PDB file of N, CA and C in Angstrom:
ATOM      1  N   MET A   1     132.495 144.733 124.841  1.00  0.00           N
ATOM      2  CA  MET A   1     133.315 145.594 124.728  1.00  0.00           C
ATOM      3  C   MET A   1     133.169 147.022 125.472  1.00  0.00           C
ATOM      4  N   ARG A   2     134.004 147.580 125.592  1.00  0.00           N
ATOM      5  CA  ARG A   2     133.641 149.192 126.652  1.00  0.00           C
ATOM      6  C   ARG A   2     134.452 150.148 125.848  1.00  0.00           C
ATOM      7  N   ILE A   3     133.749 150.561 124.625  1.00  0.00           N
ATOM      8  CA  ILE A   3     134.211 151.322 124.167  1.00  0.00           C
ATOM      9  C   ILE A   3     132.821 152.663 124.556  1.00  0.00           C
ATOM     10  N   ASP A   4     133.181 154.107 125.360  1.00  0.00           N
ATOM     11  CA  ASP A   4     131.875 154.062 125.085  1.00  0.00           C
ATOM     12  C   ASP A   4     132.183 155.210 124.186  1.00  0.00           C
ATOM     13  N   PRO A   5     130.879 155.459 123.651  1.00  0.00           N
ATOM     14  CA  PRO A   5     130.285 156.053 122.401  1.00  0.00           C
ATOM     15  C   PRO A   5     130.263 157.259 122.243  1.00  0.00           C
ATOM     16  N   VAL A   6     130.376 157.746 123.367  1.00  0.00           N
ATOM     17  CA  VAL A   6     130.343 159.341 123.370  1.00  0.00           C
ATOM     18  C   VAL A   6     131.560 160.153 123.167  1.00  0.00           C
ATOM     19  N   ALA A   7     132.885 159.478 123.830  1.00  0.00           N
ATOM     20  CA  ALA A   7     134.246 159.524 123.438  1.00  0.00           C
ATOM     21  C   ALA A   7     134.566 159.163 122.199  1.00  0.00           C
ATOM     22  N   VAL A   8     133.449 158.668 120.915  1.00  0.00           N
ATOM     23  CA  VAL A   8     133.504 158.535 119.103  1.00  0.00           C
ATOM     24  C   VAL A   8     133.294 159.638 119.316  1.00  0.00           C
ATOM     25  N   ALA A   9     131.887 159.922 118.946  1.00  0.00           N
ATOM     26  CA  ALA A   9     131.793 161.163 118.178  1.00  0.00           C
ATOM     27  C   ALA A   9     132.767 162.215 119.015  1.00  0.00           C
ATOM     28  N   HIS A  10     132.586 162.618 120.110  1.00  0.00           N
ATOM     29  CA  HIS A  10     133.375 163.418 120.595  1.00  0.00           C
ATOM     30  C   HIS A  10     134.636 163.719 119.567  1.00  0.00           C
ATOM     31  N   HIS A  11     135.372 162.463 119.867  1.00  0.00           N
ATOM     32  CA  HIS A  11     136.665 162.134 118.840  1.00  0.00           C
ATOM     33  C   HIS A  11     136.598 162.623 117.773  1.00  0.00           C
ATOM     34  N   PHE A  12     135.743 162.326 116.889  1.00  0.00           N
ATOM     35  CA  PHE A  12     134.719 162.208 115.616  1.00  0.00           C
ATOM     36  C   PHE A  12     134.480 164.378 115.749  1.00  0.00           C
ATOM     37  N   LEU A  13     134.024 164.740 115.815  1.00  0.00           N
ATOM     38  CA  LEU A  13     133.114 165.906 115.828  1.00  0.00           C
ATOM     39  C   LEU A  13     134.666 167.262 115.599  1.00  0.00           C
ATOM     40  N   LYS A  14     135.392 166.641 117.398  1.00  0.00           N
ATOM     41  CA  LYS A  14     136.513 167.703 117.299  1.00  0.00           C
ATOM     42  C   LYS A  14     137.680 167.344 116.032  1.00  0.00           C
ATOM     43  N   GLY A  15     137.978 166.495 115.437  1.00  0.00           N
ATOM     44  CA  GLY A  15     138.208 166.869 114.349  1.00  0.00           C
ATOM     45  C   GLY A  15     137.469 167.130 112.769  1.00  0.00           C
ATOM     46  N   LYS A  16     136.723 168.122 113.240  1.00  0.00           N
ATOM     47  CA  LYS A  16     135.938 169.028 112.145  1.00  0.00           C
ATOM     48  C   LYS A  16     136.344 170.671 112.534  1.00  0.00           C
ATOM     49  N   LYS A  17     137.315 171.181 111.535  1.00  0.00           N
ATOM     50  CA  LYS A  17     137.746 172.416 111.908  1.00  0.00           C
ATOM     51  C   LYS A  17     136.825 173.234 112.989  1.00  0.00           C
ATOM     52  N   GLU A  18     135.613 173.767 111.919  1.00  0.00           N
ATOM     53  CA  GLU A  18     134.403 175.004 112.150  1.00  0.00           C
ATOM     54  C   GLU A  18     133.649 174.088 113.620  1.00  0.00           C
ATOM     55  N   LEU A  19     133.844 172.956 113.765  1.00  0.00           N
ATOM     56  CA  LEU A  19     133.162 171.841 115.127  1.00  0.00           C
ATOM     57  C   LEU A  19     134.441 172.409 117.064  1.00  0.00           C
ATOM     58  N   ALA A  20     135.516 172.248 116.334  1.00  0.00           N
ATOM     59  CA  ALA A  20     136.624 171.836 117.172  1.00  0.00           C
ATOM     60  C   ALA A  20     136.630 172.826 118.721  1.00  0.00           C
ATOM     61  N   ASP A  21     135.616 173.820 118.319  1.00  0.00           N
ATOM     62  CA  ASP A  21     136.204 174.672 119.644  1.00  0.00           C
ATOM     63  C   ASP A  21     134.860 174.710 120.034  1.00  0.00           C
ATOM     64  N   ALA A  22     133.371 174.312 119.654  1.00  0.00           N
ATOM     65  CA  ALA A  22     132.470 173.950 120.629  1.00  0.00           C
ATOM     66  C   ALA A  22     132.890 172.877 121.333  1.00  0.00           C
ATOM     67  N   VAL A  23     132.501 171.490 120.490  1.00  0.00           N
ATOM     68  CA  VAL A  23     132.342 170.246 121.169  1.00  0.00           C
ATOM     69  C   VAL A  23     133.237 170.468 122.284  1.00  0.00           C
ATOM     70  N   THR A  24     131.861 170.442 123.310  1.00  0.00           N
ATOM     71  CA  THR A  24     132.387 169.155 124.781  1.00  0.00           C
ATOM     72  C   THR A  24     131.466 167.579 124.683  1.00  0.00           C
ATOM     73  N   GLY A  25     131.546 167.479 126.036  1.00  0.00           N
ATOM     74  CA  GLY A  25     130.845 166.569 126.925  1.00  0.00           C
ATOM     75  C   GLY A  25     130.487 166.653 128.465  1.00  0.00           C
ATOM     76  N   ASP A  26     130.914 167.794 128.407  1.00  0.00           N
ATOM     77  CA  ASP A  26     130.931 168.217 129.877  1.00  0.00           C
ATOM     78  C   ASP A  26     130.471 170.403 129.756  1.00  0.00           C
ATOM     79  N   LEU A  27     129.452 170.093 130.669  1.00  0.00           N
ATOM     80  CA  LEU A  27     129.135 171.636 130.840  1.00  0.00           C
ATOM     81  C   LEU A  27     129.467 172.477 131.507  1.00  0.00           C
ATOM     82  N   ALA A  28     130.439 172.192 132.614  1.00  0.00           N
ATOM     83  CA  ALA A  28     130.944 172.471 133.417  1.00  0.00           C
ATOM     84  C   ALA A  28     132.423 173.527 133.082  1.00  0.00           C
ATOM     85  N   GLY A  29     131.963 174.911 134.266  1.00  0.00           N
ATOM     86  CA  GLY A  29     132.706 175.841 133.574  1.00  0.00           C
ATOM     87  C   GLY A  29     132.214 176.122 132.350  1.00  0.00           C
ATOM     88  N   ARG A  30     131.054 176.344 131.561  1.00  0.00           N
ATOM     89  CA  ARG A  30     130.373 176.713 130.634  1.00  0.00           C
ATOM     90  C   ARG A  30     129.912 177.977 131.192  1.00  0.00           C
ATOM     91  N   GLU A  31     130.465 179.313 129.873  1.00  0.00           N
ATOM     92  CA  GLU A  31     129.639 180.373 130.705  1.00  0.00           C
ATOM     93  C   GLU A  31     128.578 180.116 129.134  1.00  0.00           C
ATOM     94  N   PRO A  32     127.139 180.759 129.352  1.00  0.00           N
ATOM     95  CA  PRO A  32     125.800 181.490 128.966  1.00  0.00           C
ATOM     96  C   PRO A  32     126.439 181.803 127.312  1.00  0.00           C
ATOM     97  N   THR A  33     127.100 182.677 127.739  1.00  0.00           N
ATOM     98  CA  THR A  33     127.163 182.660 126.549  1.00  0.00           C
ATOM     99  C   THR A  33     127.387 182.729 125.277  1.00  0.00           C
ATOM    100  N   GLN A  34     128.515 181.539 125.722  1.00  0.00           N
ATOM    101  CA  GLN A  34     129.617 180.962 124.907  1.00  0.00           C
ATOM    102  C   GLN A  34     129.057 179.923 124.350  1.00  0.00           C
ATOM    103  N   THR A  35     129.062 180.155 122.484  1.00  0.00           N
ATOM    104  CA  THR A  35     128.394 178.759 121.368  1.00  0.00           C
ATOM    105  C   THR A  35     129.461 177.466 122.438  1.00  0.00           C
ATOM    106  N   THR A  36     128.338 176.420 121.844  1.00  0.00           N
ATOM    107  CA  THR A  36     128.974 174.868 123.121  1.00  0.00           C
ATOM    108  C   THR A  36     128.020 174.050 122.055  1.00  0.00           C
ATOM    109  N   ILE A  37     128.773 172.600 121.519  1.00  0.00           N
ATOM    110  CA  ILE A  37     128.106 171.946 121.287  1.00  0.00           C
ATOM    111  C   ILE A  37     128.324 170.425 122.450  1.00  0.00           C
ATOM    112  N   TYR A  38     127.162 170.113 122.678  1.00  0.00           N
ATOM    113  CA  TYR A  38     127.526 168.855 123.828  1.00  0.00           C
ATOM    114  C   TYR A  38     126.937 167.946 123.633  1.00  0.00           C
ATOM    115  N   LEU A  39     127.598 167.065 123.774  1.00  0.00           N
ATOM    116  CA  LEU A  39     127.016 165.374 123.459  1.00  0.00           C
ATOM    117  C   LEU A  39     126.311 164.524 124.522  1.00  0.00           C
ATOM    118  N   GLU A  40     126.110 163.470 124.496  1.00  0.00           N
ATOM    119  CA  GLU A  40     125.916 162.439 125.489  1.00  0.00           C
ATOM    120  C   GLU A  40     125.183 161.558 125.607  1.00  0.00           C
ATOM    121  N   HIS A  41     125.395 160.831 126.167  1.00  0.00           N
ATOM    122  CA  HIS A  41     124.881 159.194 125.966  1.00  0.00           C
ATOM    123  C   HIS A  41     123.649 159.376 126.427  1.00  0.00           C
ATOM    124  N   ALA A  42     122.205 158.988 125.479  1.00  0.00           N
ATOM    125  CA  ALA A  42     120.655 159.029 125.878  1.00  0.00           C
ATOM    126  C   ALA A  42     120.573 157.546 125.897  1.00  0.00           C
ATOM    127  N   GLY A  43     121.562 156.660 125.852  1.00  0.00           N
ATOM    128  CA  GLY A  43     120.589 154.996 125.967  1.00  0.00           C
ATOM    129  C   GLY A  43     121.371 153.878 124.659  1.00  0.00           C
ATOM    130  N   GLY A  44     120.758 153.148 124.587  1.00  0.00           N
ATOM    131  CA  GLY A  44     121.251 151.760 123.662  1.00  0.00           C
ATOM    132  C   GLY A  44     121.327 150.461 123.854  1.00  0.00           C
ATOM    133  N   PHE A  45     121.934 149.957 123.930  1.00  0.00           N
ATOM    134  CA  PHE A  45     122.458 147.966 123.945  1.00  0.00           C
ATOM    135  C   PHE A  45     122.961 147.484 123.105  1.00  0.00           C
ATOM    136  N   ARG A  46     123.361 146.509 123.819  1.00  0.00           N
ATOM    137  CA  ARG A  46     124.426 145.540 122.830  1.00  0.00           C
ATOM    138  C   ARG A  46     123.320 144.492 121.991  1.00  0.00           C
ATOM    139  N   VAL A  47     124.011 144.652 120.688  1.00  0.00           N
ATOM    140  CA  VAL A  47     123.277 144.534 119.043  1.00  0.00           C
ATOM    141  C   VAL A  47     123.246 142.926 119.719  1.00  0.00           C
ATOM    142  N   ILE A  48     124.931 142.424 119.334  1.00  0.00           N
ATOM    143  CA  ILE A  48     125.389 141.306 119.103  1.00  0.00           C
ATOM    144  C   ILE A  48     126.645 141.189 119.901  1.00  0.00           C
ATOM    145  N   ARG A  49     126.257 140.126 121.048  1.00  0.00           N
ATOM    146  CA  ARG A  49     126.926 140.013 122.413  1.00  0.00           C
ATOM    147  C   ARG A  49     128.423 140.032 121.828  1.00  0.00           C
ATOM    148  N   GLY A  50     129.070 141.438 123.294  1.00  0.00           N
ATOM    149  CA  GLY A  50     130.093 141.379 122.855  1.00  0.00           C
ATOM    150  C   GLY A  50     131.197 141.870 121.915  1.00  0.00           C
ATOM    151  N   CYS A  51     129.935 142.687 120.609  1.00  0.00           N
ATOM    152  CA  CYS A  51     130.917 142.751 119.163  1.00  0.00           C
ATOM    153  C   CYS A  51     130.552 143.790 118.406  1.00  0.00           C
ATOM    154  N   MET A  52     129.172 143.789 118.986  1.00  0.00           N
ATOM    155  CA  MET A  52     128.362 145.475 118.660  1.00  0.00           C
ATOM    156  C   MET A  52     127.562 146.189 119.526  1.00  0.00           C
ATOM    157  N   ASP A  53     127.687 147.228 119.574  1.00  0.00           N
ATOM    158  CA  ASP A  53     127.234 147.951 120.108  1.00  0.00           C
ATOM    159  C   ASP A  53     126.201 148.846 119.746  1.00  0.00           C
ATOM    160  N   ARG A  54     125.159 149.292 120.008  1.00  0.00           N
ATOM    161  CA  ARG A  54     123.966 150.165 119.480  1.00  0.00           C
ATOM    162  C   ARG A  54     123.594 151.619 120.711  1.00  0.00           C
ATOM    163  N   ALA A  55     124.218 152.992 119.737  1.00  0.00           N
ATOM    164  CA  ALA A  55     124.250 153.602 120.747  1.00  0.00           C
ATOM    165  C   ALA A  55     123.627 155.394 120.728  1.00  0.00           C
ATOM    166  N   ASP A  56     122.531 155.497 121.371  1.00  0.00           N
ATOM    167  CA  ASP A  56     121.979 156.481 121.100  1.00  0.00           C
ATOM    168  C   ASP A  56     122.880 157.369 122.096  1.00  0.00           C
ATOM    169  N   VAL A  57     123.363 158.770 120.822  1.00  0.00           N
ATOM    170  CA  VAL A  57     123.667 159.740 121.643  1.00  0.00           C
ATOM    171  C   VAL A  57     123.217 161.342 120.790  1.00  0.00           C
ATOM    172  N   THR A  58     122.730 162.241 122.099  1.00  0.00           N
ATOM    173  CA  THR A  58     122.233 163.161 121.841  1.00  0.00           C
ATOM    174  C   THR A  58     122.852 164.345 121.836  1.00  0.00           C
ATOM    175  N   TYR A  59     122.841 165.585 120.910  1.00  0.00           N
ATOM    176  CA  TYR A  59     123.476 166.537 120.688  1.00  0.00           C
ATOM    177  C   TYR A  59     123.273 168.167 120.737  1.00  0.00           C
ATOM    178  N   GLN A  60     123.053 168.734 122.064  1.00  0.00           N
ATOM    179  CA  GLN A  60     122.552 169.664 122.410  1.00  0.00           C
ATOM    180  C   GLN A  60     123.336 170.873 121.725  1.00  0.00           C
ATOM    181  N   VAL A  61     123.206 171.737 120.363  1.00  0.00           N
ATOM    182  CA  VAL A  61     123.837 173.272 120.635  1.00  0.00           C
ATOM    183  C   VAL A  61     123.654 174.136 121.305  1.00  0.00           C
ATOM    184  N   TYR A  62     124.145 174.708 121.295  1.00  0.00           N
ATOM    185  CA  TYR A  62     123.792 176.328 121.692  1.00  0.00           C
ATOM    186  C   TYR A  62     124.380 177.253 121.708  1.00  0.00           C
ATOM    187  N   ALA A  63     123.658 178.495 121.754  1.00  0.00           N
ATOM    188  CA  ALA A  63     124.796 179.537 120.669  1.00  0.00           C
ATOM    189  C   ALA A  63     123.632 181.303 121.406  1.00  0.00           C
ATOM    190  N   GLU A  64     124.343 182.420 120.885  1.00  0.00           N
ATOM    191  CA  GLU A  64     123.834 183.384 121.514  1.00  0.00           C
ATOM    192  C   GLU A  64     122.916 183.983 120.300  1.00  0.00           C
ATOM    193  N   ASP A  65     123.165 183.355 119.270  1.00  0.00           N
ATOM    194  CA  ASP A  65     121.749 183.547 118.209  1.00  0.00           C
ATOM    195  C   ASP A  65     121.599 182.237 118.079  1.00  0.00           C
ATOM    196  N   ARG A  66     119.774 182.614 117.517  1.00  0.00           N
ATOM    197  CA  ARG A  66     119.486 181.091 117.302  1.00  0.00           C
ATOM    198  C   ARG A  66     119.590 180.598 115.450  1.00  0.00           C
ATOM    199  N   GLN A  67     119.792 181.552 114.601  1.00  0.00           N
ATOM    200  CA  GLN A  67     120.285 181.068 113.501  1.00  0.00           C
ATOM    201  C   GLN A  67     121.664 180.103 113.516  1.00  0.00           C
ATOM    202  N   GLU A  68     122.175 180.644 114.715  1.00  0.00           N
ATOM    203  CA  GLU A  68     123.736 180.003 114.497  1.00  0.00           C
ATOM    204  C   GLU A  68     124.065 178.378 115.590  1.00  0.00           C
ATOM    205  N   ALA A  69     123.408 178.687 116.298  1.00  0.00           N
ATOM    206  CA  ALA A  69     122.751 177.668 116.896  1.00  0.00           C
ATOM    207  C   ALA A  69     122.152 176.335 116.240  1.00  0.00           C
ATOM    208  N   ALA A  70     121.037 176.958 115.262  1.00  0.00           N
ATOM    209  CA  ALA A  70     120.245 175.662 114.027  1.00  0.00           C
ATOM    210  C   ALA A  70     121.637 175.473 112.890  1.00  0.00           C
ATOM    211  N   GLU A  71     122.684 176.150 112.598  1.00  0.00           N
ATOM    212  CA  GLU A  71     123.394 175.899 111.641  1.00  0.00           C
ATOM    213  C   GLU A  71     124.430 174.858 112.210  1.00  0.00           C
ATOM    214  N   LEU A  72     124.805 175.347 113.444  1.00  0.00           N
ATOM    215  CA  LEU A  72     125.576 174.579 114.200  1.00  0.00           C
ATOM    216  C   LEU A  72     124.945 172.996 114.089  1.00  0.00           C
ATOM    217  N   ALA A  73     123.588 173.129 114.462  1.00  0.00           N
ATOM    218  CA  ALA A  73     122.653 171.855 114.831  1.00  0.00           C
ATOM    219  C   ALA A  73     122.921 171.040 113.527  1.00  0.00           C
ATOM    220  N   TYR A  74     123.136 171.457 112.590  1.00  0.00           N
ATOM    221  CA  TYR A  74     122.797 170.924 111.428  1.00  0.00           C
ATOM    222  C   TYR A  74     123.929 169.823 110.726  1.00  0.00           C
ATOM    223  N   ALA A  75     124.850 170.940 111.039  1.00  0.00           N
ATOM    224  CA  ALA A  75     126.600 170.932 110.710  1.00  0.00           C
ATOM    225  C   ALA A  75     126.758 169.870 111.537  1.00  0.00           C
ATOM    226  N   VAL A  76     126.435 169.328 112.585  1.00  0.00           N
ATOM    227  CA  VAL A  76     126.766 168.526 114.000  1.00  0.00           C
ATOM    228  C   VAL A  76     126.489 167.289 112.473  1.00  0.00           C
ATOM    229  N   ARG A  77     124.522 167.101 112.592  1.00  0.00           N
ATOM    230  CA  ARG A  77     124.006 166.240 111.702  1.00  0.00           C
ATOM    231  C   ARG A  77     124.406 165.910 110.382  1.00  0.00           C
ATOM    232  N   GLU A  78     124.952 166.590 109.477  1.00  0.00           N
ATOM    233  CA  GLU A  78     125.335 165.868 108.678  1.00  0.00           C
ATOM    234  C   GLU A  78     126.922 165.131 108.975  1.00  0.00           C
ATOM    235  N   TYR A  79     127.923 165.633 109.514  1.00  0.00           N
ATOM    236  CA  TYR A  79     129.073 165.240 109.946  1.00  0.00           C
ATOM    237  C   TYR A  79     128.833 163.973 110.759  1.00  0.00           C
ATOM    238  N   LEU A  80     127.693 163.355 110.873  1.00  0.00           N
ATOM    239  CA  LEU A  80     127.605 161.913 112.139  1.00  0.00           C
ATOM    240  C   LEU A  80     126.758 161.538 110.952  1.00  0.00           C
ATOM    241  N   LEU A  81     125.754 161.578 110.176  1.00  0.00           N
ATOM    242  CA  LEU A  81     124.866 160.789 109.627  1.00  0.00           C
ATOM    243  C   LEU A  81     125.717 160.331 108.070  1.00  0.00           C
ATOM    244  N   GLU A  82     126.198 161.216 107.614  1.00  0.00           N
ATOM    245  CA  GLU A  82     127.088 161.621 106.141  1.00  0.00           C
ATOM    246  C   GLU A  82     128.393 160.947 106.840  1.00  0.00           C
ATOM    247  N   ASP A  83     129.519 161.628 107.293  1.00  0.00           N
ATOM    248  CA  ASP A  83     131.095 161.012 106.810  1.00  0.00           C
ATOM    249  C   ASP A  83     131.382 160.552 108.249  1.00  0.00           C
ATOM    250  N   MET A  84     130.753 160.112 109.850  1.00  0.00           N
ATOM    251  CA  MET A  84     131.411 159.354 109.991  1.00  0.00           C
ATOM    252  C   MET A  84     130.895 157.992 109.660  1.00  0.00           C
ATOM    253  N   PRO A  85     129.794 157.719 109.042  1.00  0.00           N
ATOM    254  CA  PRO A  85     130.134 155.602 108.846  1.00  0.00           C
ATOM    255  C   PRO A  85     131.447 155.467 108.249  1.00  0.00           C
ATOM    256  N   GLY A  86     131.034 153.873 108.641  1.00  0.00           N
ATOM    257  CA  GLY A  86     132.216 153.586 107.603  1.00  0.00           C
ATOM    258  C   GLY A  86     134.043 153.826 107.884  1.00  0.00           C
ATOM    259  N   ARG A  87     134.357 155.216 109.704  1.00  0.00           N
ATOM    260  CA  ARG A  87     135.539 155.093 109.822  1.00  0.00           C
ATOM    261  C   ARG A  87     135.838 154.600 111.012  1.00  0.00           C
ATOM    262  N   VAL A  88     137.395 154.799 110.637  1.00  0.00           N
ATOM    263  CA  VAL A  88     137.733 154.523 112.528  1.00  0.00           C
ATOM    264  C   VAL A  88     137.442 155.424 113.307  1.00  0.00           C
ATOM    265  N   VAL A  89     137.112 155.399 114.598  1.00  0.00           N
ATOM    266  CA  VAL A  89     138.004 156.423 115.600  1.00  0.00           C
ATOM    267  C   VAL A  89     138.686 156.370 116.643  1.00  0.00           C
ATOM    268  N   GLY A  90     139.140 156.895 117.102  1.00  0.00           N
ATOM    269  CA  GLY A  90     139.794 155.813 118.263  1.00  0.00           C
ATOM    270  C   GLY A  90     140.044 154.267 117.767  1.00  0.00           C
ATOM    271  N   ASP A  91     139.255 153.925 118.857  1.00  0.00           N
ATOM    272  CA  ASP A  91     139.568 152.696 118.722  1.00  0.00           C
ATOM    273  C   ASP A  91     137.968 151.644 118.366  1.00  0.00           C
ATOM    274  N   ALA A  92     137.012 152.202 117.847  1.00  0.00           N
ATOM    275  CA  ALA A  92     136.203 151.664 117.460  1.00  0.00           C
ATOM    276  C   ALA A  92     136.423 151.710 115.757  1.00  0.00           C
ATOM    277  N   LEU A  93     135.336 151.037 115.315  1.00  0.00           N
ATOM    278  CA  LEU A  93     135.114 151.008 113.635  1.00  0.00           C
ATOM    279  C   LEU A  93     132.952 151.430 114.189  1.00  0.00           C
ATOM    280  N   VAL A  94     133.255 152.736 113.363  1.00  0.00           N
ATOM    281  CA  VAL A  94     131.399 153.087 113.141  1.00  0.00           C
ATOM    282  C   VAL A  94     131.176 152.652 111.854  1.00  0.00           C
ATOM    283  N   LEU A  95     129.805 151.612 112.327  1.00  0.00           N
ATOM    284  CA  LEU A  95     129.413 150.622 111.143  1.00  0.00           C
ATOM    285  C   LEU A  95     127.948 151.712 110.608  1.00  0.00           C
ATOM    286  N   ASP A  96     127.336 151.920 111.300  1.00  0.00           N
ATOM    287  CA  ASP A  96     126.812 152.650 110.500  1.00  0.00           C
ATOM    288  C   ASP A  96     125.801 154.166 111.236  1.00  0.00           C
ATOM    289  N   VAL A  97     125.627 155.101 110.996  1.00  0.00           N
ATOM    290  CA  VAL A  97     124.452 156.343 112.197  1.00  0.00           C
ATOM    291  C   VAL A  97     123.196 156.284 111.462  1.00  0.00           C
ATOM    292  N   ALA A  98     122.454 156.669 112.346  1.00  0.00           N
ATOM    293  CA  ALA A  98     121.144 156.846 112.103  1.00  0.00           C
ATOM    294  C   ALA A  98     120.419 157.611 112.934  1.00  0.00           C
ATOM    295  N   GLU A  99     119.675 158.068 111.998  1.00  0.00           N
ATOM    296  CA  GLU A  99     119.322 159.788 113.050  1.00  0.00           C
ATOM    297  C   GLU A  99     117.772 159.206 113.869  1.00  0.00           C
ATOM    298  N   GLY A 100     118.003 159.673 114.684  1.00  0.00           N
ATOM    299  CA  GLY A 100     116.957 159.149 116.013  1.00  0.00           C
ATOM    300  C   GLY A 100     116.053 160.345 116.222  1.00  0.00           C
ATOM    301  N   ILE A 101     116.541 161.533 116.183  1.00  0.00           N
ATOM    302  CA  ILE A 101     115.035 163.085 116.328  1.00  0.00           C
ATOM    303  C   ILE A 101     116.376 164.221 115.237  1.00  0.00           C
ATOM    304  N   SER A 102     115.714 164.225 114.698  1.00  0.00           N
ATOM    305  CA  SER A 102     116.544 165.889 113.494  1.00  0.00           C
ATOM    306  C   SER A 102     116.266 166.771 115.227  1.00  0.00           C
ATOM    307  N   PRO A 103     117.673 167.808 114.342  1.00  0.00           N
ATOM    308  CA  PRO A 103     117.746 169.320 114.856  1.00  0.00           C
ATOM    309  C   PRO A 103     116.266 169.609 115.097  1.00  0.00           C
ATOM    310  N   ARG A 104     116.079 169.920 116.711  1.00  0.00           N
ATOM    311  CA  ARG A 104     114.585 170.711 117.088  1.00  0.00           C
ATOM    312  C   ARG A 104     114.727 171.669 117.695  1.00  0.00           C
ATOM    313  N   TYR A 105     114.137 173.266 117.955  1.00  0.00           N
ATOM    314  CA  TYR A 105     114.504 174.127 118.753  1.00  0.00           C
ATOM    315  C   TYR A 105     113.842 173.735 120.527  1.00  0.00           C
ATOM    316  N   PHE A 106     114.856 173.777 120.967  1.00  0.00           N
ATOM    317  CA  PHE A 106     115.231 173.501 122.394  1.00  0.00           C
ATOM    318  C   PHE A 106     115.765 175.103 123.117  1.00  0.00           C
ATOM    319  N   PRO A 107     114.805 175.951 123.763  1.00  0.00           N
ATOM    320  CA  PRO A 107     115.267 177.269 124.331  1.00  0.00           C
ATOM    321  C   PRO A 107     115.772 176.259 125.879  1.00  0.00           C
ATOM    322  N   ASP A 108     116.902 177.032 126.490  1.00  0.00           N
ATOM    323  CA  ASP A 108     117.239 176.341 127.651  1.00  0.00           C
ATOM    324  C   ASP A 108     116.317 176.731 129.255  1.00  0.00           C
ATOM    325  N   SER A 109     116.573 176.017 129.852  1.00  0.00           N
ATOM    326  CA  SER A 109     114.609 176.904 130.371  1.00  0.00           C
ATOM    327  C   SER A 109     115.549 177.247 131.181  1.00  0.00           C
ATOM    328  N   THR A 110     117.236 177.634 132.006  1.00  0.00           N
ATOM    329  CA  THR A 110     117.414 178.494 132.823  1.00  0.00           C
ATOM    330  C   THR A 110     118.197 179.105 132.446  1.00  0.00           C
ATOM    331  N   SER A 111     119.084 179.609 131.083  1.00  0.00           N
ATOM    332  CA  SER A 111     119.545 180.505 130.675  1.00  0.00           C
ATOM    333  C   SER A 111     118.716 181.576 130.032  1.00  0.00           C
ATOM    334  N   ARG A 112     117.393 180.675 129.231  1.00  0.00           N
ATOM    335  CA  ARG A 112     116.687 181.000 128.355  1.00  0.00           C
ATOM    336  C   ARG A 112     117.890 181.286 126.470  1.00  0.00           C
ATOM    337  N   GLU A 113     119.230 180.393 125.791  1.00  0.00           N
ATOM    338  CA  GLU A 113     119.518 180.517 125.350  1.00  0.00           C
ATOM    339  C   GLU A 113     119.143 179.964 124.539  1.00  0.00           C
ATOM    340  N   HIS A 114     119.650 180.419 122.425  1.00  0.00           N
ATOM    341  CA  HIS A 114     118.875 179.102 122.055  1.00  0.00           C
ATOM    342  C   HIS A 114     119.832 178.190 121.876  1.00  0.00           C
ATOM    343  N   THR A 115     119.162 176.665 121.923  1.00  0.00           N
ATOM    344  CA  THR A 115     119.306 175.807 121.706  1.00  0.00           C
ATOM    345  C   THR A 115     119.025 174.599 120.889  1.00  0.00           C
ATOM    346  N   TYR A 116     119.424 173.984 120.033  1.00  0.00           N
ATOM    347  CA  TYR A 116     118.405 172.835 119.667  1.00  0.00           C
ATOM    348  C   TYR A 116     119.244 171.496 119.387  1.00  0.00           C
ATOM    349  N   LEU A 117     118.275 170.247 119.661  1.00  0.00           N
ATOM    350  CA  LEU A 117     118.435 169.396 120.063  1.00  0.00           C
ATOM    351  C   LEU A 117     118.377 168.513 119.493  1.00  0.00           C
ATOM    352  N   GLY A 118     119.429 167.030 119.020  1.00  0.00           N
ATOM    353  CA  GLY A 118     119.512 165.827 117.801  1.00  0.00           C
ATOM    354  C   GLY A 118     119.763 164.901 118.710  1.00  0.00           C
ATOM    355  N   GLU A 119     119.339 163.257 117.658  1.00  0.00           N
ATOM    356  CA  GLU A 119     120.031 162.550 118.358  1.00  0.00           C
ATOM    357  C   GLU A 119     120.133 161.555 117.142  1.00  0.00           C
ATOM    358  N   VAL A 120     121.344 160.510 117.722  1.00  0.00           N
ATOM    359  CA  VAL A 120     121.720 160.017 116.340  1.00  0.00           C
ATOM    360  C   VAL A 120     121.656 158.432 117.058  1.00  0.00           C
ATOM    361  N   THR A 121     121.554 157.203 116.921  1.00  0.00           N
ATOM    362  CA  THR A 121     121.822 156.302 117.011  1.00  0.00           C
ATOM    363  C   THR A 121     123.122 155.954 116.684  1.00  0.00           C
ATOM    364  N   ILE A 122     123.968 155.273 117.197  1.00  0.00           N
ATOM    365  CA  ILE A 122     125.640 155.288 116.160  1.00  0.00           C
ATOM    366  C   ILE A 122     126.092 153.749 116.448  1.00  0.00           C
ATOM    367  N   PHE A 123     125.830 152.880 115.681  1.00  0.00           N
ATOM    368  CA  PHE A 123     126.509 151.451 115.370  1.00  0.00           C
ATOM    369  C   PHE A 123     127.876 151.406 115.772  1.00  0.00           C
ATOM    370  N   ILE A 124     128.676 150.719 116.683  1.00  0.00           N
ATOM    371  CA  ILE A 124     130.313 150.588 116.428  1.00  0.00           C
ATOM    372  C   ILE A 124     131.027 149.414 116.872  1.00  0.00           C
ATOM    373  N   THR A 125     131.789 149.098 116.667  1.00  0.00           N
ATOM    374  CA  THR A 125     132.348 147.515 117.154  1.00  0.00           C
ATOM    375  C   THR A 125     134.022 147.842 117.368  1.00  0.00           C
ATOM    376  N   GLU A 126     135.044 147.031 118.038  1.00  0.00           N
ATOM    377  CA  GLU A 126     135.996 147.547 117.921  1.00  0.00           C
ATOM    378  C   GLU A 126     136.651 147.254 116.735  1.00  0.00           C
ATOM    379  N   ALA A 127     137.783 148.057 116.230  1.00  0.00           N
ATOM    380  CA  ALA A 127     138.510 148.545 114.659  1.00  0.00           C
ATOM    381  C   ALA A 127     139.492 147.069 114.858  1.00  0.00           C
TER     382      ALA A 127
END
């Protein structure tokens, strides 16, 4: 299987109107005050040879205001855990999503922006 789990999560979250403008898989060109939802592959493994992957995906929400960062992080969490399982997203069928780390306050050490960091485990197979 050659499905990028970050692309699956990115595609899914881009479809949510309140998140669409902020979701990215890349921080290049980002300005420090720009509200951003950054997705990154954090690990995982093949669960069933050739047909099911388990991927750990972190999401980090940057915002100028701490409350906005928290609200967006919990919205991302809700969409991924409650809305994404059972859906076909691109070439992937999302079998399940489990929480690895609930959103926690994690201020950026360089810019000192407010950020919340969370992680989910996504179980996918080909659609």
